[in-house]
Amino acid sequence: MSVTFGARTPLGLRVRKLLVSGIPAGSTVVVTCTSKPRARCPFVTRSRAFTTARTSFSFRGLFGDRPLPTGTVVTVTVSDEASRGRRVTLRTLSRGPARRTDACLARGTTRTTTC
């Protein structure tokens, strides 16, 4: 997964690119956005099911040009029934780029396991 943030503004970071790659056939991609200081996320949860394998898909359009304030957590989960899924969590920081945390999911569940 590739993520690029734009320049920091007084209101937060703008998402310039959110590209999920290596999507297997029959999988579902769920993107969630949580913002504690203020309700500034442009959405709460968006999901998309893929019946055929895709090399990549852009979720950049979900964010528009709205900046994400400090402390915003964006989670991208790719899962299917046949194989192990993966979850990437991005937390915007007050300075510097967002912090990225990668995790694997057990088959058919949302519980994280070792990769």
PDB file of N, CA and C in Angstrom:
ATOM      1  N   MET A   1       0.849  -1.170   0.000  1.00  0.00           N
ATOM      2  CA  MET A   1       0.000   0.000   0.000  1.00  0.00           C
ATOM      3  C   MET A   1       0.892   1.229   0.000  1.00  0.00           C
ATOM      4  N   SER A   2       0.509   2.206  -0.781  1.00  0.00           N
ATOM      5  CA  SER A   2       1.280   3.425  -0.904  1.00  0.00           C
ATOM      6  C   SER A   2       0.431   4.614  -0.469  1.00  0.00           C
ATOM      7  N   VAL A   3       0.989   5.428   0.423  1.00  0.00           N
ATOM      8  CA  VAL A   3       0.290   6.611   0.919  1.00  0.00           C
ATOM      9  C   VAL A   3       1.221   7.800   0.811  1.00  0.00           C
ATOM     10  N   THR A   4       0.712   8.899   0.261  1.00  0.00           N
ATOM     11  CA  THR A   4       1.470  10.137   0.198  1.00  0.00           C
ATOM     12  C   THR A   4       0.596  11.252   0.747  1.00  0.00           C
ATOM     13  N   PHE A   5       1.144  11.993   1.703  1.00  0.00           N
ATOM     14  CA  PHE A   5       0.433  13.134   2.250  1.00  0.00           C
ATOM     15  C   PHE A   5       0.995  14.400   1.635  1.00  0.00           C
ATOM     16  N   GLY A   6       0.140  15.403   1.482  1.00  0.00           N
ATOM     17  CA  GLY A   6       0.553  16.687   0.946  1.00  0.00           C
ATOM     18  C   GLY A   6       1.155  17.551   2.039  1.00  0.00           C
ATOM     19  N   ALA A   7       1.254  18.822   1.760  1.00  0.00           N
ATOM     20  CA  ALA A   7       1.828  19.754   2.721  1.00  0.00           C
ATOM     21  C   ALA A   7       0.904  19.916   3.926  1.00  0.00           C
ATOM     22  N   ARG A   8       1.507  20.173   5.068  1.00  0.00           N
ATOM     23  CA  ARG A   8       0.738  20.415   6.287  1.00  0.00           C
ATOM     24  C   ARG A   8       0.146  21.816   6.225  1.00  0.00           C
ATOM     25  N   THR A   9      -1.118  21.919   6.579  1.00  0.00           N
ATOM     26  CA  THR A   9      -1.806  23.203   6.648  1.00  0.00           C
ATOM     27  C   THR A   9      -2.139  23.470   8.111  1.00  0.00           C
ATOM     28  N   PRO A  10      -2.614  24.657   8.458  1.00  0.00           N
ATOM     29  CA  PRO A  10      -3.009  24.896   9.849  1.00  0.00           C
ATOM     30  C   PRO A  10      -4.120  23.951  10.324  1.00  0.00           C
ATOM     31  N   LEU A  11      -4.875  23.383   9.390  1.00  0.00           N
ATOM     32  CA  LEU A  11      -5.961  22.472   9.757  1.00  0.00           C
ATOM     33  C   LEU A  11      -5.546  21.004   9.760  1.00  0.00           C
ATOM     34  N   GLY A  12      -4.363  20.664   9.249  1.00  0.00           N
ATOM     35  CA  GLY A  12      -3.898  19.278   9.255  1.00  0.00           C
ATOM     36  C   GLY A  12      -3.226  18.881   7.959  1.00  0.00           C
ATOM     37  N   LEU A  13      -3.128  17.569   7.730  1.00  0.00           N
ATOM     38  CA  LEU A  13      -2.498  17.014   6.531  1.00  0.00           C
ATOM     39  C   LEU A  13      -3.543  16.678   5.476  1.00  0.00           C
ATOM     40  N   ARG A  14      -3.196  16.912   4.227  1.00  0.00           N
ATOM     41  CA  ARG A  14      -4.060  16.508   3.120  1.00  0.00           C
ATOM     42  C   ARG A  14      -3.534  15.198   2.543  1.00  0.00           C
ATOM     43  N   VAL A  15      -4.440  14.313   2.172  1.00  0.00           N
ATOM     44  CA  VAL A  15      -4.053  13.047   1.548  1.00  0.00           C
ATOM     45  C   VAL A  15      -3.862  13.306   0.064  1.00  0.00           C
ATOM     46  N   ARG A  16      -2.669  13.047  -0.423  1.00  0.00           N
ATOM     47  CA  ARG A  16      -2.380  13.239  -1.838  1.00  0.00           C
ATOM     48  C   ARG A  16      -2.563  11.933  -2.613  1.00  0.00           C
ATOM     49  N   LYS A  17      -2.237  10.782  -1.968  1.00  0.00           N
ATOM     50  CA  LYS A  17      -2.368   9.492  -2.640  1.00  0.00           C
ATOM     51  C   LYS A  17      -2.630   8.409  -1.598  1.00  0.00           C
ATOM     52  N   LEU A  18      -3.603   7.541  -1.867  1.00  0.00           N
ATOM     53  CA  LEU A  18      -3.857   6.344  -1.065  1.00  0.00           C
ATOM     54  C   LEU A  18      -4.131   5.219  -2.047  1.00  0.00           C
ATOM     55  N   LEU A  19      -3.104   4.433  -2.326  1.00  0.00           N
ATOM     56  CA  LEU A  19      -3.153   3.405  -3.359  1.00  0.00           C
ATOM     57  C   LEU A  19      -2.963   2.041  -2.704  1.00  0.00           C
ATOM     58  N   VAL A  20      -3.955   1.176  -2.827  1.00  0.00           N
ATOM     59  CA  VAL A  20      -3.873  -0.185  -2.300  1.00  0.00           C
ATOM     60  C   VAL A  20      -3.487  -1.093  -3.456  1.00  0.00           C
ATOM     61  N   SER A  21      -2.425  -1.888  -3.277  1.00  0.00           N
ATOM     62  CA  SER A  21      -1.951  -2.743  -4.365  1.00  0.00           C
ATOM     63  C   SER A  21      -2.015  -4.207  -3.954  1.00  0.00           C
ATOM     64  N   GLY A  22      -2.037  -5.081  -4.940  1.00  0.00           N
ATOM     65  CA  GLY A  22      -2.057  -6.513  -4.695  1.00  0.00           C
ATOM     66  C   GLY A  22      -3.354  -6.998  -4.083  1.00  0.00           C
ATOM     67  N   ILE A  23      -4.484  -6.571  -4.632  1.00  0.00           N
ATOM     68  CA  ILE A  23      -5.790  -6.960  -4.097  1.00  0.00           C
ATOM     69  C   ILE A  23      -6.183  -8.300  -4.712  1.00  0.00           C
ATOM     70  N   PRO A  24      -6.346  -9.360  -3.888  1.00  0.00           N
ATOM     71  CA  PRO A  24      -6.722 -10.662  -4.452  1.00  0.00           C
ATOM     72  C   PRO A  24      -8.190 -10.711  -4.855  1.00  0.00           C
ATOM     73  N   ALA A  25      -8.528 -11.667  -5.713  1.00  0.00           N
ATOM     74  CA  ALA A  25      -9.918 -11.832  -6.159  1.00  0.00           C
ATOM     75  C   ALA A  25     -10.796 -12.242  -4.980  1.00  0.00           C
ATOM     76  N   GLY A  26     -12.012 -11.720  -4.937  1.00  0.00           N
ATOM     77  CA  GLY A  26     -12.955 -12.055  -3.884  1.00  0.00           C
ATOM     78  C   GLY A  26     -12.705 -11.367  -2.562  1.00  0.00           C
ATOM     79  N   SER A  27     -11.888 -10.342  -2.559  1.00  0.00           N
ATOM     80  CA  SER A  27     -11.571  -9.669  -1.300  1.00  0.00           C
ATOM     81  C   SER A  27     -12.386  -8.391  -1.139  1.00  0.00           C
ATOM     82  N   THR A  28     -12.393  -7.898   0.081  1.00  0.00           N
ATOM     83  CA  THR A  28     -13.075  -6.658   0.419  1.00  0.00           C
ATOM     84  C   THR A  28     -12.061  -5.717   1.046  1.00  0.00           C
ATOM     85  N   VAL A  29     -12.075  -4.468   0.621  1.00  0.00           N
ATOM     86  CA  VAL A  29     -11.214  -3.441   1.195  1.00  0.00           C
ATOM     87  C   VAL A  29     -12.102  -2.486   1.979  1.00  0.00           C
ATOM     88  N   VAL A  30     -11.784  -2.302   3.264  1.00  0.00           N
ATOM     89  CA  VAL A  30     -12.545  -1.413   4.137  1.00  0.00           C
ATOM     90  C   VAL A  30     -11.615  -0.294   4.589  1.00  0.00           C
ATOM     91  N   VAL A  31     -12.038   0.959   4.387  1.00  0.00           N
ATOM     92  CA  VAL A  31     -11.271   2.127   4.814  1.00  0.00           C
ATOM     93  C   VAL A  31     -12.096   2.841   5.876  1.00  0.00           C
ATOM     94  N   THR A  32     -11.507   3.044   7.065  1.00  0.00           N
ATOM     95  CA  THR A  32     -12.187   3.773   8.132  1.00  0.00           C
ATOM     96  C   THR A  32     -11.380   5.004   8.490  1.00  0.00           C
ATOM     97  N   CYS A  33     -12.069   6.036   8.949  1.00  0.00           N
ATOM     98  CA  CYS A  33     -11.429   7.285   9.343  1.00  0.00           C
ATOM     99  C   CYS A  33     -12.022   7.711  10.681  1.00  0.00           C
ATOM    100  N   THR A  34     -11.160   7.947  11.673  1.00  0.00           N
ATOM    101  CA  THR A  34     -11.590   8.344  13.008  1.00  0.00           C
ATOM    102  C   THR A  34     -10.803   9.569  13.430  1.00  0.00           C
ATOM    103  N   SER A  35     -11.502  10.587  13.893  1.00  0.00           N
ATOM    104  CA  SER A  35     -10.866  11.823  14.338  1.00  0.00           C
ATOM    105  C   SER A  35     -11.444  12.202  15.691  1.00  0.00           C
ATOM    106  N   LYS A  36     -10.616  12.178  16.744  1.00  0.00           N
ATOM    107  CA  LYS A  36     -11.111  12.464  18.085  1.00  0.00           C
ATOM    108  C   LYS A  36     -11.256  13.946  18.398  1.00  0.00           C
ATOM    109  N   PRO A  37     -10.285  14.794  18.016  1.00  0.00           N
ATOM    110  CA  PRO A  37     -10.427  16.193  18.445  1.00  0.00           C
ATOM    111  C   PRO A  37     -11.698  16.849  17.932  1.00  0.00           C
ATOM    112  N   ARG A  38     -11.981  16.634  16.685  1.00  0.00           N
ATOM    113  CA  ARG A  38     -13.184  17.197  16.056  1.00  0.00           C
ATOM    114  C   ARG A  38     -13.659  16.200  15.019  1.00  0.00           C
ATOM    115  N   ALA A  39     -14.903  16.262  14.697  1.00  0.00           N
ATOM    116  CA  ALA A  39     -15.438  15.367  13.659  1.00  0.00           C
ATOM    117  C   ALA A  39     -15.061  15.925  12.295  1.00  0.00           C
ATOM    118  N   ARG A  40     -13.820  15.692  11.886  1.00  0.00           N
ATOM    119  CA  ARG A  40     -13.313  16.281  10.653  1.00  0.00           C
ATOM    120  C   ARG A  40     -13.078  15.256   9.554  1.00  0.00           C
ATOM    121  N   CYS A  41     -13.353  13.991   9.805  1.00  0.00           N
ATOM    122  CA  CYS A  41     -13.189  12.987   8.756  1.00  0.00           C
ATOM    123  C   CYS A  41     -14.288  13.159   7.719  1.00  0.00           C
ATOM    124  N   PRO A  42     -13.950  13.057   6.443  1.00  0.00           N
ATOM    125  CA  PRO A  42     -14.975  13.190   5.409  1.00  0.00           C
ATOM    126  C   PRO A  42     -15.915  11.983   5.348  1.00  0.00           C
ATOM    127  N   PHE A  43     -15.571  10.880   6.013  1.00  0.00           N
ATOM    128  CA  PHE A  43     -16.412   9.680   6.057  1.00  0.00           C
ATOM    129  C   PHE A  43     -16.031   8.898   7.310  1.00  0.00           C
ATOM    130  N   VAL A  44     -16.854   7.930   7.674  1.00  0.00           N
ATOM    131  CA  VAL A  44     -16.533   7.068   8.808  1.00  0.00           C
ATOM    132  C   VAL A  44     -16.009   5.731   8.294  1.00  0.00           C
ATOM    133  N   THR A  45     -16.764   5.073   7.433  1.00  0.00           N
ATOM    134  CA  THR A  45     -16.359   3.787   6.871  1.00  0.00           C
ATOM    135  C   THR A  45     -16.799   3.713   5.415  1.00  0.00           C
ATOM    136  N   ARG A  46     -15.903   3.239   4.577  1.00  0.00           N
ATOM    137  CA  ARG A  46     -16.218   2.968   3.179  1.00  0.00           C
ATOM    138  C   ARG A  46     -15.636   1.600   2.848  1.00  0.00           C
ATOM    139  N   SER A  47     -16.378   0.807   2.093  1.00  0.00           N
ATOM    140  CA  SER A  47     -15.872  -0.504   1.704  1.00  0.00           C
ATOM    141  C   SER A  47     -16.137  -0.741   0.222  1.00  0.00           C
ATOM    142  N   ARG A  48     -15.328  -1.622  -0.340  1.00  0.00           N
ATOM    143  CA  ARG A  48     -15.477  -1.976  -1.746  1.00  0.00           C
ATOM    144  C   ARG A  48     -15.092  -3.440  -1.907  1.00  0.00           C
ATOM    145  N   ALA A  49     -15.951  -4.192  -2.586  1.00  0.00           N
ATOM    146  CA  ALA A  49     -15.688  -5.607  -2.849  1.00  0.00           C
ATOM    147  C   ALA A  49     -15.106  -5.755  -4.249  1.00  0.00           C
ATOM    148  N   PHE A  50     -14.107  -6.613  -4.379  1.00  0.00           N
ATOM    149  CA  PHE A  50     -13.453  -6.868  -5.658  1.00  0.00           C
ATOM    150  C   PHE A  50     -13.670  -8.331  -6.029  1.00  0.00           C
ATOM    151  N   THR A  51     -14.372  -8.582  -7.134  1.00  0.00           N
ATOM    152  CA  THR A  51     -14.630  -9.954  -7.571  1.00  0.00           C
ATOM    153  C   THR A  51     -13.460 -10.523  -8.357  1.00  0.00           C
ATOM    154  N   THR A  52     -12.681  -9.659  -8.994  1.00  0.00           N
ATOM    155  CA  THR A  52     -11.491 -10.091  -9.725  1.00  0.00           C
ATOM    156  C   THR A  52     -10.266  -9.459  -9.077  1.00  0.00           C
ATOM    157  N   ALA A  53      -9.116 -10.078  -9.293  1.00  0.00           N
ATOM    158  CA  ALA A  53      -7.877  -9.557  -8.725  1.00  0.00           C
ATOM    159  C   ALA A  53      -7.531  -8.217  -9.365  1.00  0.00           C
ATOM    160  N   ARG A  54      -7.022  -7.303  -8.575  1.00  0.00           N
ATOM    161  CA  ARG A  54      -6.601  -5.986  -9.069  1.00  0.00           C
ATOM    162  C   ARG A  54      -5.161  -5.755  -8.651  1.00  0.00           C
ATOM    163  N   THR A  55      -4.375  -5.195  -9.555  1.00  0.00           N
ATOM    164  CA  THR A  55      -3.006  -4.865  -9.186  1.00  0.00           C
ATOM    165  C   THR A  55      -2.981  -3.671  -8.250  1.00  0.00           C
ATOM    166  N   SER A  56      -3.882  -2.702  -8.457  1.00  0.00           N
ATOM    167  CA  SER A  56      -3.948  -1.550  -7.557  1.00  0.00           C
ATOM    168  C   SER A  56      -5.293  -0.850  -7.718  1.00  0.00           C
ATOM    169  N   PHE A  57      -5.656  -0.088  -6.684  1.00  0.00           N
ATOM    170  CA  PHE A  57      -6.882   0.697  -6.714  1.00  0.00           C
ATOM    171  C   PHE A  57      -6.665   1.914  -5.826  1.00  0.00           C
ATOM    172  N   SER A  58      -7.086   3.092  -6.302  1.00  0.00           N
ATOM    173  CA  SER A  58      -6.889   4.333  -5.561  1.00  0.00           C
ATOM    174  C   SER A  58      -8.131   4.683  -4.744  1.00  0.00           C
ATOM    175  N   PHE A  59      -7.915   4.966  -3.466  1.00  0.00           N
ATOM    176  CA  PHE A  59      -8.976   5.419  -2.571  1.00  0.00           C
ATOM    177  C   PHE A  59      -8.809   6.901  -2.239  1.00  0.00           C
ATOM    178  N   ARG A  60      -8.024   7.605  -2.990  1.00  0.00           N
ATOM    179  CA  ARG A  60      -7.736   9.019  -2.762  1.00  0.00           C
ATOM    180  C   ARG A  60      -9.002   9.865  -2.813  1.00  0.00           C
ATOM    181  N   GLY A  61      -9.936   9.534  -3.691  1.00  0.00           N
ATOM    182  CA  GLY A  61     -11.154  10.315  -3.863  1.00  0.00           C
ATOM    183  C   GLY A  61     -12.038  10.366  -2.632  1.00  0.00           C
ATOM    184  N   LEU A  62     -11.864   9.443  -1.699  1.00  0.00           N
ATOM    185  CA  LEU A  62     -12.672   9.454  -0.482  1.00  0.00           C
ATOM    186  C   LEU A  62     -12.404  10.678   0.382  1.00  0.00           C
ATOM    187  N   PHE A  63     -11.190  11.208   0.308  1.00  0.00           N
ATOM    188  CA  PHE A  63     -10.793  12.296   1.190  1.00  0.00           C
ATOM    189  C   PHE A  63     -11.026  13.677   0.604  1.00  0.00           C
ATOM    190  N   GLY A  64     -11.160  13.769  -0.718  1.00  0.00           N
ATOM    191  CA  GLY A  64     -11.322  15.076  -1.343  1.00  0.00           C
ATOM    192  C   GLY A  64     -10.125  15.955  -1.023  1.00  0.00           C
ATOM    193  N   ASP A  65     -10.362  17.234  -0.789  1.00  0.00           N
ATOM    194  CA  ASP A  65      -9.284  18.149  -0.418  1.00  0.00           C
ATOM    195  C   ASP A  65      -9.317  18.503   1.059  1.00  0.00           C
ATOM    196  N   ARG A  66     -10.091  17.768   1.849  1.00  0.00           N
ATOM    197  CA  ARG A  66     -10.216  18.082   3.270  1.00  0.00           C
ATOM    198  C   ARG A  66      -8.972  17.639   4.027  1.00  0.00           C
ATOM    199  N   PRO A  67      -8.383  18.510   4.831  1.00  0.00           N
ATOM    200  CA  PRO A  67      -7.222  18.119   5.627  1.00  0.00           C
ATOM    201  C   PRO A  67      -7.638  17.263   6.820  1.00  0.00           C
ATOM    202  N   LEU A  68      -6.749  16.364   7.225  1.00  0.00           N
ATOM    203  CA  LEU A  68      -6.984  15.514   8.385  1.00  0.00           C
ATOM    204  C   LEU A  68      -6.230  16.099   9.575  1.00  0.00           C
ATOM    205  N   PRO A  69      -6.916  16.441  10.677  1.00  0.00           N
ATOM    206  CA  PRO A  69      -6.234  17.050  11.815  1.00  0.00           C
ATOM    207  C   PRO A  69      -5.319  16.056  12.536  1.00  0.00           C
ATOM    208  N   THR A  70      -4.458  16.569  13.400  1.00  0.00           N
ATOM    209  CA  THR A  70      -3.560  15.745  14.190  1.00  0.00           C
ATOM    210  C   THR A  70      -4.369  14.752  15.020  1.00  0.00           C
ATOM    211  N   GLY A  71      -3.917  13.512  15.061  1.00  0.00           N
ATOM    212  CA  GLY A  71      -4.600  12.478  15.826  1.00  0.00           C
ATOM    213  C   GLY A  71      -5.601  11.671  15.032  1.00  0.00           C
ATOM    214  N   THR A  72      -5.801  12.004  13.769  1.00  0.00           N
ATOM    215  CA  THR A  72      -6.730  11.249  12.931  1.00  0.00           C
ATOM    216  C   THR A  72      -6.137   9.875  12.627  1.00  0.00           C
ATOM    217  N   VAL A  73      -6.967   8.847  12.694  1.00  0.00           N
ATOM    218  CA  VAL A  73      -6.528   7.481  12.416  1.00  0.00           C
ATOM    219  C   VAL A  73      -7.275   6.976  11.187  1.00  0.00           C
ATOM    220  N   VAL A  74      -6.522   6.582  10.161  1.00  0.00           N
ATOM    221  CA  VAL A  74      -7.081   5.993   8.947  1.00  0.00           C
ATOM    222  C   VAL A  74      -6.636   4.535   8.921  1.00  0.00           C
ATOM    223  N   THR A  75      -7.597   3.616   8.831  1.00  0.00           N
ATOM    224  CA  THR A  75      -7.305   2.187   8.817  1.00  0.00           C
ATOM    225  C   THR A  75      -7.775   1.595   7.497  1.00  0.00           C
ATOM    226  N   VAL A  76      -6.885   0.854   6.829  1.00  0.00           N
ATOM    227  CA  VAL A  76      -7.210   0.173   5.574  1.00  0.00           C
ATOM    228  C   VAL A  76      -7.074  -1.327   5.829  1.00  0.00           C
ATOM    229  N   THR A  77      -8.162  -2.067   5.622  1.00  0.00           N
ATOM    230  CA  THR A  77      -8.174  -3.511   5.850  1.00  0.00           C
ATOM    231  C   THR A  77      -8.509  -4.215   4.546  1.00  0.00           C
ATOM    232  N   VAL A  78      -7.648  -5.163   4.145  1.00  0.00           N
ATOM    233  CA  VAL A  78      -7.874  -5.981   2.955  1.00  0.00           C
ATOM    234  C   VAL A  78      -8.049  -7.413   3.442  1.00  0.00           C
ATOM    235  N   SER A  79      -9.226  -8.002   3.192  1.00  0.00           N
ATOM    236  CA  SER A  79      -9.471  -9.359   3.687  1.00  0.00           C
ATOM    237  C   SER A  79     -10.322 -10.143   2.700  1.00  0.00           C
ATOM    238  N   ASP A  80     -10.157 -11.463   2.753  1.00  0.00           N
ATOM    239  CA  ASP A  80     -11.020 -12.383   2.023  1.00  0.00           C
ATOM    240  C   ASP A  80     -11.090 -13.681   2.820  1.00  0.00           C
ATOM    241  N   GLU A  81     -11.992 -14.568   2.434  1.00  0.00           N
ATOM    242  CA  GLU A  81     -12.210 -15.801   3.192  1.00  0.00           C
ATOM    243  C   GLU A  81     -11.089 -16.819   2.989  1.00  0.00           C
ATOM    244  N   ALA A  82     -10.443 -16.813   1.829  1.00  0.00           N
ATOM    245  CA  ALA A  82      -9.500 -17.869   1.484  1.00  0.00           C
ATOM    246  C   ALA A  82      -8.097 -17.661   2.044  1.00  0.00           C
ATOM    247  N   SER A  83      -7.692 -16.434   2.269  1.00  0.00           N
ATOM    248  CA  SER A  83      -6.315 -16.204   2.697  1.00  0.00           C
ATOM    249  C   SER A  83      -6.261 -15.222   3.858  1.00  0.00           C
ATOM    250  N   ARG A  84      -5.065 -15.058   4.365  1.00  0.00           N
ATOM    251  CA  ARG A  84      -4.854 -14.140   5.470  1.00  0.00           C
ATOM    252  C   ARG A  84      -4.955 -12.708   4.968  1.00  0.00           C
ATOM    253  N   GLY A  85      -5.572 -11.844   5.744  1.00  0.00           N
ATOM    254  CA  GLY A  85      -5.729 -10.451   5.352  1.00  0.00           C
ATOM    255  C   GLY A  85      -4.632  -9.583   5.931  1.00  0.00           C
ATOM    256  N   ARG A  86      -4.727  -8.297   5.656  1.00  0.00           N
ATOM    257  CA  ARG A  86      -3.745  -7.360   6.205  1.00  0.00           C
ATOM    258  C   ARG A  86      -4.444  -6.067   6.583  1.00  0.00           C
ATOM    259  N   ARG A  87      -3.873  -5.386   7.562  1.00  0.00           N
ATOM    260  CA  ARG A  87      -4.434  -4.128   8.042  1.00  0.00           C
ATOM    261  C   ARG A  87      -3.292  -3.125   8.182  1.00  0.00           C
ATOM    262  N   VAL A  88      -3.518  -1.934   7.643  1.00  0.00           N
ATOM    263  CA  VAL A  88      -2.549  -0.848   7.757  1.00  0.00           C
ATOM    264  C   VAL A  88      -3.244   0.304   8.465  1.00  0.00           C
ATOM    265  N   THR A  89      -2.616   0.796   9.535  1.00  0.00           N
ATOM    266  CA  THR A  89      -3.166   1.901  10.306  1.00  0.00           C
ATOM    267  C   THR A  89      -2.235   3.097  10.172  1.00  0.00           C
ATOM    268  N   LEU A  90      -2.807   4.246   9.837  1.00  0.00           N
ATOM    269  CA  LEU A  90      -2.046   5.485   9.693  1.00  0.00           C
ATOM    270  C   LEU A  90      -2.578   6.501  10.697  1.00  0.00           C
ATOM    271  N   ARG A  91      -1.680   7.066  11.516  1.00  0.00           N
ATOM    272  CA  ARG A  91      -2.073   8.077  12.495  1.00  0.00           C
ATOM    273  C   ARG A  91      -1.318   9.364  12.176  1.00  0.00           C
ATOM    274  N   THR A  92      -2.072  10.451  11.955  1.00  0.00           N
ATOM    275  CA  THR A  92      -1.424  11.728  11.654  1.00  0.00           C
ATOM    276  C   THR A  92      -0.809  12.290  12.928  1.00  0.00           C
ATOM    277  N   LEU A  93       0.379  12.845  12.789  1.00  0.00           N
ATOM    278  CA  LEU A  93       1.121  13.395  13.915  1.00  0.00           C
ATOM    279  C   LEU A  93       1.163  14.911  13.821  1.00  0.00           C
ATOM    280  N   SER A  94       1.534  15.555  14.927  1.00  0.00           N
ATOM    281  CA  SER A  94       1.595  17.016  14.920  1.00  0.00           C
ATOM    282  C   SER A  94       2.760  17.518  14.075  1.00  0.00           C
ATOM    283  N   ARG A  95       3.813  16.719  13.979  1.00  0.00           N
ATOM    284  CA  ARG A  95       4.967  17.075  13.150  1.00  0.00           C
ATOM    285  C   ARG A  95       5.405  15.850  12.372  1.00  0.00           C
ATOM    286  N   GLY A  96       5.879  16.067  11.177  1.00  0.00           N
ATOM    287  CA  GLY A  96       6.392  14.973  10.367  1.00  0.00           C
ATOM    288  C   GLY A  96       5.290  14.177   9.687  1.00  0.00           C
ATOM    289  N   PRO A  97       5.675  13.068   9.068  1.00  0.00           N
ATOM    290  CA  PRO A  97       4.691  12.258   8.345  1.00  0.00           C
ATOM    291  C   PRO A  97       3.822  11.457   9.312  1.00  0.00           C
ATOM    292  N   ALA A  98       2.827  10.791   8.773  1.00  0.00           N
ATOM    293  CA  ALA A  98       1.938   9.958   9.583  1.00  0.00           C
ATOM    294  C   ALA A  98       2.677   8.691  10.017  1.00  0.00           C
ATOM    295  N   ARG A  99       2.293   8.157  11.173  1.00  0.00           N
ATOM    296  CA  ARG A  99       2.877   6.916  11.673  1.00  0.00           C
ATOM    297  C   ARG A  99       2.102   5.744  11.072  1.00  0.00           C
ATOM    298  N   ARG A 100       2.832   4.783  10.515  1.00  0.00           N
ATOM    299  CA  ARG A 100       2.219   3.631   9.855  1.00  0.00           C
ATOM    300  C   ARG A 100       2.470   2.376  10.679  1.00  0.00           C
ATOM    301  N   THR A 101       1.406   1.578  10.881  1.00  0.00           N
ATOM    302  CA  THR A 101       1.504   0.312  11.589  1.00  0.00           C
ATOM    303  C   THR A 101       0.881  -0.768  10.715  1.00  0.00           C
ATOM    304  N   ASP A 102       1.640  -1.838  10.434  1.00  0.00           N
ATOM    305  CA  ASP A 102       1.160  -2.946   9.613  1.00  0.00           C
ATOM    306  C   ASP A 102       0.841  -4.146  10.500  1.00  0.00           C
ATOM    307  N   ALA A 103      -0.228  -4.864  10.167  1.00  0.00           N
ATOM    308  CA  ALA A 103      -0.612  -6.069  10.903  1.00  0.00           C
ATOM    309  C   ALA A 103      -1.237  -7.064   9.936  1.00  0.00           C
ATOM    310  N   CYS A 104      -1.190  -8.343  10.300  1.00  0.00           N
ATOM    311  CA  CYS A 104      -1.843  -9.394   9.521  1.00  0.00           C
ATOM    312  C   CYS A 104      -3.099  -9.836  10.251  1.00  0.00           C
ATOM    313  N   LEU A 105      -4.069 -10.336   9.497  1.00  0.00           N
ATOM    314  CA  LEU A 105      -5.330 -10.801  10.063  1.00  0.00           C
ATOM    315  C   LEU A 105      -5.448 -12.307   9.897  1.00  0.00           C
ATOM    316  N   ALA A 106      -6.028 -12.975  10.890  1.00  0.00           N
ATOM    317  CA  ALA A 106      -6.287 -14.407  10.784  1.00  0.00           C
ATOM    318  C   ALA A 106      -7.361 -14.639   9.728  1.00  0.00           C
ATOM    319  N   ARG A 107      -7.386 -15.828   9.155  1.00  0.00           N
ATOM    320  CA  ARG A 107      -8.360 -16.139   8.101  1.00  0.00           C
ATOM    321  C   ARG A 107      -9.781 -16.013   8.613  1.00  0.00           C
ATOM    322  N   GLY A 108     -10.598 -15.242   7.904  1.00  0.00           N
ATOM    323  CA  GLY A 108     -12.011 -15.117   8.211  1.00  0.00           C
ATOM    324  C   GLY A 108     -12.357 -14.318   9.456  1.00  0.00           C
ATOM    325  N   THR A 109     -11.373 -13.664  10.097  1.00  0.00           N
ATOM    326  CA  THR A 109     -11.658 -12.871  11.295  1.00  0.00           C
ATOM    327  C   THR A 109     -11.049 -11.489  11.152  1.00  0.00           C
ATOM    328  N   THR A 110     -11.315 -10.646  12.125  1.00  0.00           N
ATOM    329  CA  THR A 110     -10.706  -9.317  12.155  1.00  0.00           C
ATOM    330  C   THR A 110      -9.642  -9.231  13.238  1.00  0.00           C
ATOM    331  N   ARG A 111      -9.278 -10.364  13.837  1.00  0.00           N
ATOM    332  CA  ARG A 111      -8.267 -10.406  14.886  1.00  0.00           C
ATOM    333  C   ARG A 111      -6.869 -10.370  14.263  1.00  0.00           C
ATOM    334  N   THR A 112      -5.994  -9.551  14.813  1.00  0.00           N
ATOM    335  CA  THR A 112      -4.643  -9.449  14.268  1.00  0.00           C
ATOM    336  C   THR A 112      -3.777 -10.592  14.786  1.00  0.00           C
ATOM    337  N   THR A 113      -2.845 -11.038  13.929  1.00  0.00           N
ATOM    338  CA  THR A 113      -1.902 -12.098  14.272  1.00  0.00           C
ATOM    339  C   THR A 113      -0.517 -11.668  13.822  1.00  0.00           C
ATOM    340  N   THR A 114       0.476 -12.492  14.128  1.00  0.00           N
ATOM    341  CA  THR A 114       1.826 -12.205  13.670  1.00  0.00           C
ATOM    342  C   THR A 114       1.925 -12.507  12.182  1.00  0.00           C
ATOM    343  N   CYS A 115       2.718 -11.725  11.504  1.00  0.00           N
ATOM    344  CA  CYS A 115       2.852 -11.897  10.046  1.00  0.00           C
ATOM    345  C   CYS A 115       3.855 -12.979   9.691  1.00  0.00           C
TER     346      CYS A 115
END
